[in-house]
Amino acid sequence: MDMKRAFIGIIIFAFVTVISFLLLRRIFALPEGISVVGAIGLGAVMEILFQRSRKRAGSKISE
């Protein structure tokens, strides 16, 4: 994995995690523990989806 792709993945994970935590905590009024776990889970899912989409885009270009 190149550094640019890894850096973008980290930024996406961090951004989605922070925004998700704020939404879960303030708007949905979930307890802090559940909000943390949910935000980390959503951040991880988004980062994985990003990596998969980049991998597919790279394989289509090389074909």
Protein backbone atom coordinates (compact mmCIF):
# COMPACT_ATOMS: atom_id res chain seq x y z
CA MET A 1 0.00 0.00 0.00
CA ASP A 2 1.46 3.36 -0.92
CA MET A 3 1.77 6.18 1.61
CA LYS A 4 -0.79 8.45 -0.06
CA ARG A 5 -3.49 5.78 0.01
CA ALA A 6 -2.71 4.93 3.65
CA PHE A 7 -2.80 8.59 4.67
CA ILE A 8 -6.14 9.17 2.95
CA GLY A 9 -7.53 6.05 4.66
CA ILE A 10 -6.42 7.34 8.06
CA ILE A 11 -7.98 10.75 7.40
CA ILE A 12 -11.27 9.14 6.31
CA PHE A 13 -11.30 6.89 9.40
CA ALA A 14 -10.62 9.80 11.76
CA PHE A 15 -13.16 12.15 10.15
CA VAL A 16 -15.96 9.58 10.04
CA THR A 17 -15.21 8.43 13.59
CA VAL A 18 -15.34 11.94 15.08
CA ILE A 19 -18.48 12.95 13.16
CA SER A 20 -20.19 9.64 13.98
CA PHE A 21 -19.39 10.00 17.67
CA LEU A 22 -20.82 13.51 17.76
CA LEU A 23 -23.97 12.43 15.95
CA LEU A 24 -24.50 9.34 18.07
CA ARG A 25 -23.83 11.19 21.31
CA ARG A 26 -25.70 14.45 20.73
CA ILE A 27 -28.47 13.73 18.23
CA PHE A 28 -29.36 10.15 19.17
CA ALA A 29 -28.48 10.65 22.88
CA LEU A 30 -26.75 7.28 23.17
CA PRO A 31 -24.50 6.53 26.16
CA GLU A 32 -20.83 7.42 25.70
CA GLY A 33 -19.58 3.82 25.54
CA ILE A 34 -22.03 2.82 22.84
CA SER A 35 -21.25 6.00 20.92
CA VAL A 36 -17.51 5.27 21.00
CA VAL A 37 -17.90 1.67 19.86
CA GLY A 38 -20.39 2.65 17.15
CA ALA A 39 -18.22 5.50 15.89
CA ILE A 40 -15.11 3.30 15.69
CA GLY A 41 -17.14 0.63 13.87
CA LEU A 42 -18.52 3.13 11.35
CA GLY A 43 -15.06 4.62 10.82
CA ALA A 44 -13.58 1.18 10.18
CA VAL A 45 -16.37 0.24 7.75
CA MET A 46 -15.93 3.45 5.77
CA GLU A 47 -12.16 3.00 5.58
CA ILE A 48 -12.54 -0.60 4.41
CA LEU A 49 -15.07 0.45 1.77
CA PHE A 50 -12.67 3.18 0.62
CA GLN A 51 -9.79 0.71 0.31
CA ARG A 52 -11.95 -1.74 -1.64
CA SER A 53 -13.19 0.95 -4.01
CA ARG A 54 -9.61 2.12 -4.63
CA LYS A 55 -8.52 -1.47 -5.26
CA ARG A 56 -11.34 -1.98 -7.80
CA ALA A 57 -10.60 1.32 -9.51
CA GLY A 58 -6.94 0.34 -9.82
CA SER A 59 -7.75 -3.06 -11.34
CA LYS A 60 -10.11 -1.50 -13.89
CA ILE A 61 -7.45 0.99 -14.98
CA SER A 62 -4.82 -1.74 -15.44
CA GLU A 63 -7.13 -3.86 -17.65
